[in-house]
Amino acid sequence: MQVVTGDSATQILDQFKLTTPEQMLTPDQTPTILVQTRVDTVLMMLPPCDQTHFSHCTLETTMDPYKAFPALANYVFSYADTLSRAGQTDSASVILNSFSTMAPMWQEWQAYSDTLRNDFGKRREEKAKEFESMALQIQNMNRVQASYSMVAETADSLISQLAPGDSLANWAKDQKKIAYTNTLKKASKEFNEIKVLADEKAQFAEARKQTETFRIRYRDFEDTLHVQAFLNHVDELEKATDSETAKMWEKQDPEKALAQADTLIANEKFDKAKDLLNKLKTSKLRKEANEKYIALADAYCNKQRKTTSQIFAKSLKQTDEEKKKKLLNDAIAPLDKCLAEFPETTQRDKVESNRKFIEKELTK
C-alpha cells in the first residue's frame, strides 16, 4: 500500500489542476482580500517528518489525529470558500468533491493502520521476550525482599534500554518503589534497635559502631533516616551522661521529675518540659524520658498544626491577594517551628503534608 507523505499528498491535490485567484485575476479583477490560504499552507500542518516516508519521524514530532485531520479539513474548506469568493466557483467545487473521491483512500488508510497495529503488537511481543529474564529477576528479588540497591541496579539497567513512557519501563519504576518501601521498613526497624543502645542503655560506643555499619549497608536511606543527626545526638547524650546533670539524680528523684514533666506538657510549657526531659535522659529513667519526649514533641506539633489551621482559615476569607499570600506564609511558619524544634515527632509526615498543601495554595 502507498504511504501518503508530503510529496504524494501534494500530487493528490495537484491532480485537480486548480488555478488560484492570483494566477487568473487581472489587476482590475483582484479581490479586496487577496487569497492567502494555499494548498502548501495546508501541508505545513503536517509534522516535520521525512519527505519520502515517515520512518524518520523523531520522538519530538507530535501528532494528534483528532486535531490534525479537522484542522486540515477546515483549511481546505477555507481555501474553497476563498476561491468561490474570488469567482472561482468551479475550482471551489472540485476541491469540495475531493472529500467524496478520497473515500476509498480513507479505507486504504484504515487498512494500513490495522497492519501497523499488528506489526506493533509483534514488536511488543519480541521486546517482552527479550527483557523477560530481567523482568523475572526483578520480580523474584522483590518477592524475597532483596535490598533496594540490588533491585534498583537491575531495574535501572532495564529502563535504560527502553523508550521513555514504555509500559515495561513504568513497571520497572513501580518495582523500584516497592523495593524502596520494603527496604526502608527493614532499615527503620534495625535503626530503632540501634537507637535503643544509646537512648535506653547508654551504650554509646556500640551505638556508634553499629550506626557506621548500618550507614554502609543502607546508603540510600541515610538522609531519610537522619543517620548523621543520630550520631550527633549520641555525642551530645554521652557528654550529658558524664556531666554534672547526670550526677544530680543521685540527690533528686527522677520519678518526681518525670511526673513534673507531665504537668508541664499539659500546661503547654513546652520549653521547660523539653529541658527537664533532656536532663532526665541522663538518669536511670532514660527510657521513660525518651518516651515522654516523643509525647512532648507530638503535643507541641499538634499545637503548631492547630495554629496553622486557624491562620489558613483566615486566608480563605481574604479577598485581597497580597494579604492572602501573607497569611499563607504565616501559616507555614508554625509547621517549620515544629520540624525545627522536634524533628523526632511522629507527626512529621502530617506536618510535611500540610506544608506542601499550603505551598501549593501559594502558587495558585
Protein backbone atom coordinates (compact mmCIF):
# COMPACT_ATOMS: atom_id res chain seq x y z
CA MET A 1 0.00 0.00 0.00
CA GLN A 2 1.18 3.53 -0.74
CA VAL A 3 2.01 5.68 2.27
CA VAL A 4 0.77 9.22 1.76
CA THR A 5 3.54 11.66 2.64
CA GLY A 6 4.17 15.34 1.98
CA ASP A 7 5.11 14.85 -1.68
CA SER A 8 2.37 12.37 -2.55
CA ALA A 9 -0.23 14.47 -0.74
CA THR A 10 0.80 17.40 -2.92
CA GLN A 11 0.39 15.24 -6.02
CA ILE A 12 -3.12 14.21 -4.96
CA LEU A 13 -4.18 17.83 -4.60
CA ASP A 14 -2.31 18.92 -7.72
CA GLN A 15 -4.19 16.41 -9.89
CA PHE A 16 -7.19 18.75 -9.85
CA LYS A 17 -5.04 21.32 -11.71
CA LEU A 18 -6.63 24.16 -9.77
CA THR A 19 -5.91 27.69 -10.73
CA THR A 20 -5.52 30.06 -7.82
CA PRO A 21 -7.06 33.55 -7.90
CA GLU A 22 -3.60 35.15 -8.10
CA GLN A 23 -2.94 33.21 -11.30
CA MET A 24 -6.27 34.03 -13.03
CA LEU A 25 -7.28 37.50 -11.98
CA THR A 26 -6.12 40.57 -13.80
CA PRO A 27 -5.20 43.65 -11.76
CA ASP A 28 -8.72 45.01 -12.33
CA GLN A 29 -10.26 41.80 -11.07
CA THR A 30 -8.11 41.43 -7.91
CA PRO A 31 -10.46 40.95 -4.91
CA THR A 32 -10.25 43.21 -1.88
CA ILE A 33 -8.91 40.35 0.26
CA LEU A 34 -6.08 38.55 -1.51
CA VAL A 35 -6.10 34.79 -1.39
CA GLN A 36 -3.55 33.70 1.22
CA THR A 37 -4.65 30.19 2.11
CA ARG A 38 -2.93 27.82 -0.30
CA VAL A 39 -2.55 24.05 -0.52
CA ASP A 40 1.08 24.36 0.56
CA THR A 41 -0.16 26.12 3.70
CA VAL A 42 -2.32 23.10 4.42
CA LEU A 43 0.69 20.83 4.04
CA MET A 44 2.55 22.87 6.62
CA MET A 45 0.15 21.37 9.16
CA LEU A 46 1.93 18.02 8.73
CA PRO A 47 4.60 17.06 11.29
CA PRO A 48 8.25 17.60 10.29
CA CYS A 49 8.88 14.01 9.14
CA ASP A 50 10.98 12.78 6.24
CA GLN A 51 9.52 13.92 2.90
CA THR A 52 9.51 10.48 1.28
CA HIS A 53 8.49 8.29 4.20
CA PHE A 54 7.57 8.78 7.85
CA SER A 55 10.21 6.32 9.12
CA HIS A 56 12.47 9.22 10.07
CA CYS A 57 9.96 10.99 12.31
CA THR A 58 11.61 11.81 15.64
CA LEU A 59 10.22 11.41 19.15
CA GLU A 60 9.92 15.21 19.21
CA THR A 61 7.36 15.01 16.40
CA THR A 62 3.87 15.39 17.80
CA MET A 63 0.70 14.33 16.03
CA ASP A 64 -2.81 14.29 17.39
CA PRO A 65 -5.09 12.97 14.61
CA TYR A 66 -8.16 14.31 16.42
CA LYS A 67 -6.74 17.80 15.91
CA ALA A 68 -4.74 17.37 12.71
CA PHE A 69 -7.50 15.95 10.47
CA PRO A 70 -10.18 18.52 11.47
CA ALA A 71 -7.62 21.31 11.08
CA LEU A 72 -6.66 20.06 7.62
CA ALA A 73 -10.33 19.81 6.60
CA ASN A 74 -11.03 23.34 7.84
CA TYR A 75 -8.07 24.65 5.84
CA VAL A 76 -9.48 23.00 2.70
CA PHE A 77 -12.94 24.49 3.40
CA SER A 78 -11.36 27.90 3.88
CA TYR A 79 -9.43 27.57 0.63
CA ALA A 80 -12.57 26.53 -1.28
CA ASP A 81 -14.52 29.43 0.23
CA THR A 82 -11.78 31.88 -0.75
CA LEU A 83 -11.80 30.55 -4.33
CA SER A 84 -15.58 30.92 -4.50
CA ARG A 85 -15.50 34.48 -3.19
CA ALA A 86 -12.88 35.30 -5.83
CA GLY A 87 -15.18 33.98 -8.57
CA GLN A 88 -13.56 30.55 -8.92
CA THR A 89 -16.72 28.57 -8.09
CA ASP A 90 -15.87 25.59 -10.31
CA SER A 91 -12.44 25.17 -8.75
CA ALA A 92 -14.00 25.51 -5.30
CA SER A 93 -16.49 22.75 -6.13
CA VAL A 94 -13.72 20.43 -7.32
CA ILE A 95 -11.95 20.97 -4.01
CA LEU A 96 -15.09 20.02 -2.09
CA ASN A 97 -15.75 17.00 -4.32
CA SER A 98 -12.38 15.63 -3.22
CA PHE A 99 -13.95 14.64 0.10
CA SER A 100 -16.09 12.10 -1.78
CA THR A 101 -13.37 10.87 -4.13
CA MET A 102 -10.97 10.35 -1.22
CA ALA A 103 -13.31 7.86 0.50
CA PRO A 104 -11.52 4.78 -0.99
CA MET A 105 -8.19 6.25 0.06
CA TRP A 106 -9.52 6.62 3.61
CA GLN A 107 -10.42 2.93 3.59
CA GLU A 108 -6.87 2.13 2.50
CA TRP A 109 -5.51 4.21 5.37
CA GLN A 110 -7.73 2.33 7.80
CA ALA A 111 -6.50 -0.99 6.42
CA TYR A 112 -2.89 0.14 6.70
CA SER A 113 -3.44 1.28 10.28
CA ASP A 114 -4.60 -2.27 11.08
CA THR A 115 -1.42 -3.63 9.51
CA LEU A 116 0.70 -1.24 11.55
CA ARG A 117 -1.09 -2.21 14.77
CA ASN A 118 -0.34 -5.87 14.09
CA ASP A 119 3.32 -5.02 13.46
CA PHE A 120 3.46 -3.02 16.69
CA GLY A 121 1.99 -5.98 18.57
CA LYS A 122 4.69 -8.27 17.18
CA ARG A 123 7.38 -5.78 18.18
CA ARG A 124 5.91 -5.62 21.70
CA GLU A 125 5.96 -9.41 21.99
CA GLU A 126 9.55 -9.57 20.75
CA LYS A 127 10.58 -6.90 23.23
CA ALA A 128 8.79 -8.68 26.08
CA LYS A 129 10.69 -11.91 25.28
CA GLU A 130 13.97 -10.02 25.06
CA PHE A 131 13.58 -8.47 28.53
CA GLU A 132 11.61 -11.31 30.13
CA SER A 133 14.59 -12.65 32.09
CA MET A 134 15.39 -9.24 33.59
CA ALA A 135 11.74 -8.65 34.48
CA LEU A 136 11.53 -12.05 36.19
CA GLN A 137 14.75 -11.32 38.05
CA ILE A 138 13.35 -8.04 39.39
CA GLN A 139 10.07 -9.70 40.32
CA ASN A 140 11.84 -12.52 42.18
CA MET A 141 14.10 -10.09 44.05
CA ASN A 142 11.07 -8.20 45.32
CA ARG A 143 9.36 -11.46 46.22
CA VAL A 144 12.21 -12.33 48.61
CA GLN A 145 12.53 -8.65 49.61
CA ALA A 146 16.06 -8.19 48.33
CA SER A 147 17.77 -4.89 49.12
CA TYR A 148 16.66 -1.75 47.31
CA SER A 149 20.14 -1.21 45.83
CA MET A 150 20.06 -4.62 44.10
CA VAL A 151 16.57 -4.13 42.68
CA ALA A 152 17.33 -0.55 41.62
CA GLU A 153 20.50 -1.58 39.78
CA THR A 154 18.69 -4.23 37.71
CA ALA A 155 15.61 -2.05 37.16
CA ASP A 156 17.70 0.94 36.03
CA SER A 157 19.55 -1.32 33.58
CA LEU A 158 16.22 -2.42 32.12
CA ILE A 159 14.80 1.12 31.99
CA SER A 160 17.90 2.42 30.17
CA GLN A 161 17.16 0.05 27.27
CA LEU A 162 13.54 1.15 26.88
CA ALA A 163 11.86 4.23 25.49
CA PRO A 164 10.52 6.83 27.95
CA GLY A 165 6.93 6.03 28.87
CA ASP A 166 7.21 2.39 27.81
CA SER A 167 4.83 0.21 29.85
CA LEU A 168 7.66 -2.14 30.85
CA ALA A 169 9.78 0.83 31.95
CA ASN A 170 6.89 2.11 34.07
CA TRP A 171 6.52 -1.36 35.57
CA ALA A 172 10.23 -1.38 36.46
CA LYS A 173 9.88 2.01 38.16
CA ASP A 174 6.97 0.68 40.21
CA GLN A 175 9.09 -2.31 41.23
CA LYS A 176 11.78 0.11 42.43
CA LYS A 177 9.19 1.85 44.61
CA ILE A 178 8.12 -1.48 46.10
CA ALA A 179 11.75 -2.37 46.85
CA TYR A 180 12.33 1.06 48.39
CA THR A 181 9.34 0.69 50.71
CA ASN A 182 10.33 -2.84 51.73
CA THR A 183 13.94 -1.91 52.44
CA LEU A 184 13.01 1.29 54.27
CA LYS A 185 10.74 -0.69 56.58
CA LYS A 186 13.54 -3.16 57.31
CA ALA A 187 16.12 -0.39 57.77
CA SER A 188 13.87 1.58 60.12
CA LYS A 189 13.42 -1.46 62.34
CA GLU A 190 17.17 -2.07 62.55
CA PHE A 191 17.89 1.62 63.16
CA ASN A 192 15.39 1.77 66.01
CA GLU A 193 17.23 -1.13 67.67
CA ILE A 194 20.48 0.82 67.42
CA LYS A 195 18.80 3.88 68.94
CA VAL A 196 17.84 1.81 71.99
CA LEU A 197 21.54 1.19 72.67
CA ALA A 198 22.17 4.90 73.07
CA ASP A 199 18.86 6.21 74.38
CA GLU A 200 17.97 3.48 76.85
CA LYS A 201 21.15 1.52 77.61
CA ALA A 202 23.80 4.28 77.38
CA GLN A 203 25.99 2.00 75.20
CA PHE A 204 27.31 4.90 73.15
CA ALA A 205 30.41 3.28 71.63
CA GLU A 206 28.42 0.27 70.46
CA ALA A 207 25.71 2.55 69.07
CA ARG A 208 28.30 4.44 67.02
CA LYS A 209 29.88 1.24 65.74
CA GLN A 210 26.57 -0.26 64.64
CA THR A 211 25.47 3.03 63.09
CA GLU A 212 28.56 3.17 60.86
CA THR A 213 27.91 -0.41 59.71
CA PHE A 214 24.25 0.49 59.16
CA ARG A 215 25.25 3.54 57.13
CA ILE A 216 27.28 1.40 54.71
CA ARG A 217 24.50 -1.19 54.29
CA TYR A 218 21.71 1.34 53.82
CA ARG A 219 23.44 4.18 51.96
CA ASP A 220 20.27 5.05 50.03
CA PHE A 221 18.38 5.75 53.27
CA GLU A 222 20.98 7.78 55.15
CA ASP A 223 19.23 11.11 54.61
CA THR A 224 15.71 9.72 55.02
CA LEU A 225 16.53 8.21 58.43
CA HIS A 226 18.70 11.17 59.55
CA VAL A 227 21.69 8.96 60.38
CA GLN A 228 24.17 11.81 60.87
CA ALA A 229 21.72 13.63 63.15
CA PHE A 230 21.53 10.49 65.30
CA LEU A 231 25.33 10.30 65.58
CA ASN A 232 25.36 13.93 66.71
CA HIS A 233 22.65 13.04 69.23
CA VAL A 234 24.79 10.17 70.58
CA ASP A 235 27.72 12.55 71.11
CA GLU A 236 25.54 15.03 72.98
CA LEU A 237 23.93 12.30 75.04
CA GLU A 238 27.29 10.87 76.06
CA LYS A 239 28.54 14.28 77.15
CA ALA A 240 25.37 14.84 79.15
CA THR A 241 25.66 11.45 80.84
CA ASP A 242 29.17 12.29 82.03
CA SER A 243 28.15 15.77 83.16
CA GLU A 244 27.04 17.32 86.40
CA THR A 245 23.44 16.88 85.21
CA ALA A 246 23.78 13.11 85.47
CA LYS A 247 25.19 13.38 88.99
CA MET A 248 22.27 15.50 90.19
CA TRP A 249 19.96 12.46 90.02
CA GLU A 250 21.92 10.97 92.89
CA LYS A 251 20.25 13.59 95.06
CA GLN A 252 16.96 14.23 93.22
CA ASP A 253 14.09 11.84 92.49
CA PRO A 254 13.81 11.25 88.72
CA GLU A 255 10.30 9.81 89.12
CA LYS A 256 9.04 13.09 90.60
CA ALA A 257 10.74 14.96 87.78
CA LEU A 258 9.03 12.71 85.22
CA ALA A 259 5.64 13.47 86.78
CA GLN A 260 6.51 17.16 86.73
CA ALA A 261 7.26 16.90 83.01
CA ASP A 262 3.73 15.54 82.50
CA THR A 263 2.29 18.62 84.20
CA LEU A 264 4.45 20.98 82.16
CA ILE A 265 3.29 19.36 78.91
CA ALA A 266 -0.37 19.54 79.98
CA ASN A 267 0.07 23.26 80.73
CA GLU A 268 1.81 23.77 77.36
CA LYS A 269 5.06 24.88 78.99
CA PHE A 270 6.96 23.10 76.27
CA ASP A 271 10.39 24.72 76.71
CA LYS A 272 10.59 23.81 80.41
CA ALA A 273 9.32 20.29 79.71
CA LYS A 274 11.94 19.82 77.00
CA ASP A 275 14.75 20.97 79.26
CA LEU A 276 13.63 18.71 82.11
CA LEU A 277 13.23 15.65 79.89
CA ASN A 278 16.66 16.18 78.33
CA LYS A 279 18.09 16.11 81.85
CA LEU A 280 16.07 13.01 82.68
CA LYS A 281 17.68 11.24 79.72
CA THR A 282 20.85 11.08 81.83
CA SER A 283 19.04 9.35 84.71
CA LYS A 284 18.06 5.72 85.29
CA LEU A 285 14.68 6.63 83.74
CA ARG A 286 16.20 7.49 80.34
CA LYS A 287 13.81 5.08 78.56
CA GLU A 288 10.74 6.67 80.15
CA ALA A 289 12.20 10.13 79.49
CA ASN A 290 12.61 9.33 75.80
CA GLU A 291 9.03 8.08 75.54
CA LYS A 292 7.78 11.22 77.30
CA TYR A 293 9.93 13.34 74.99
CA ILE A 294 8.08 11.94 71.96
CA ALA A 295 4.77 12.75 73.68
CA LEU A 296 6.06 16.29 74.23
CA ALA A 297 7.08 16.57 70.57
CA ASP A 298 3.64 15.45 69.40
CA ALA A 299 1.84 17.81 71.80
CA TYR A 300 3.96 20.74 70.62
CA CYS A 301 3.48 19.94 66.93
CA ASN A 302 -0.26 19.41 67.34
CA LYS A 303 -0.49 22.90 68.79
CA GLN A 304 1.52 24.31 65.88
CA ARG A 305 -0.71 22.50 63.37
CA LYS A 306 -3.77 23.94 65.12
CA THR A 307 -2.28 27.44 64.82
CA THR A 308 -1.61 26.80 61.13
CA SER A 309 -5.20 25.65 60.63
CA GLN A 310 -6.56 28.84 62.21
CA ILE A 311 -4.37 31.10 60.06
CA PHE A 312 -5.23 29.12 56.93
CA ALA A 313 -8.96 29.51 57.68
CA LYS A 314 -8.45 33.29 57.80
CA SER A 315 -6.69 33.21 54.43
CA LEU A 316 -9.73 31.56 52.82
CA LYS A 317 -11.86 34.54 53.81
CA GLN A 318 -9.34 37.07 52.48
CA THR A 319 -10.16 38.62 49.09
CA ASP A 320 -7.01 40.73 48.80
CA GLU A 321 -4.40 38.54 47.06
CA GLU A 322 -1.37 40.11 48.75
CA LYS A 323 -2.88 39.77 52.21
CA LYS A 324 -3.94 36.23 51.42
CA LYS A 325 -0.38 35.27 50.43
CA LYS A 326 0.96 36.81 53.62
CA LEU A 327 -1.47 34.75 55.69
CA LEU A 328 -0.47 31.59 53.83
CA ASN A 329 3.20 32.28 54.53
CA ASP A 330 2.31 32.94 58.16
CA ALA A 331 0.51 29.58 58.22
CA ILE A 332 3.69 27.79 57.17
CA ALA A 333 5.79 29.27 59.99
CA PRO A 334 4.30 27.15 62.84
CA LEU A 335 4.91 23.99 60.81
CA ASP A 336 8.55 24.97 60.34
CA LYS A 337 8.84 25.59 64.10
CA CYS A 338 7.55 22.08 64.75
CA LEU A 339 10.08 20.43 62.43
CA ALA A 340 12.95 22.56 63.73
CA GLU A 341 12.15 22.11 67.43
CA PHE A 342 11.11 18.45 67.38
CA PRO A 343 12.24 16.57 64.23
CA GLU A 344 11.55 13.34 66.17
CA THR A 345 7.78 13.93 66.23
CA THR A 346 5.50 11.16 65.00
CA GLN A 347 3.50 13.98 63.35
CA ARG A 348 6.31 14.62 60.85
CA ASP A 349 4.54 13.16 57.79
CA LYS A 350 1.34 15.10 58.56
CA VAL A 351 3.28 18.32 59.13
CA GLU A 352 5.19 17.96 55.86
CA SER A 353 1.96 17.13 54.03
CA ASN A 354 0.28 20.26 55.48
CA ARG A 355 3.26 22.35 54.44
CA LYS A 356 3.22 21.06 50.85
CA PHE A 357 -0.52 21.73 50.62
CA ILE A 358 -0.11 25.36 51.68
CA GLU A 359 2.86 25.84 49.34
CA LYS A 360 0.64 24.60 46.51
CA GLU A 361 -2.02 27.14 47.50
CA LEU A 362 0.62 29.87 47.27
CA THR A 363 1.28 29.03 43.62
CA LYS A 364 -2.36 29.44 42.58
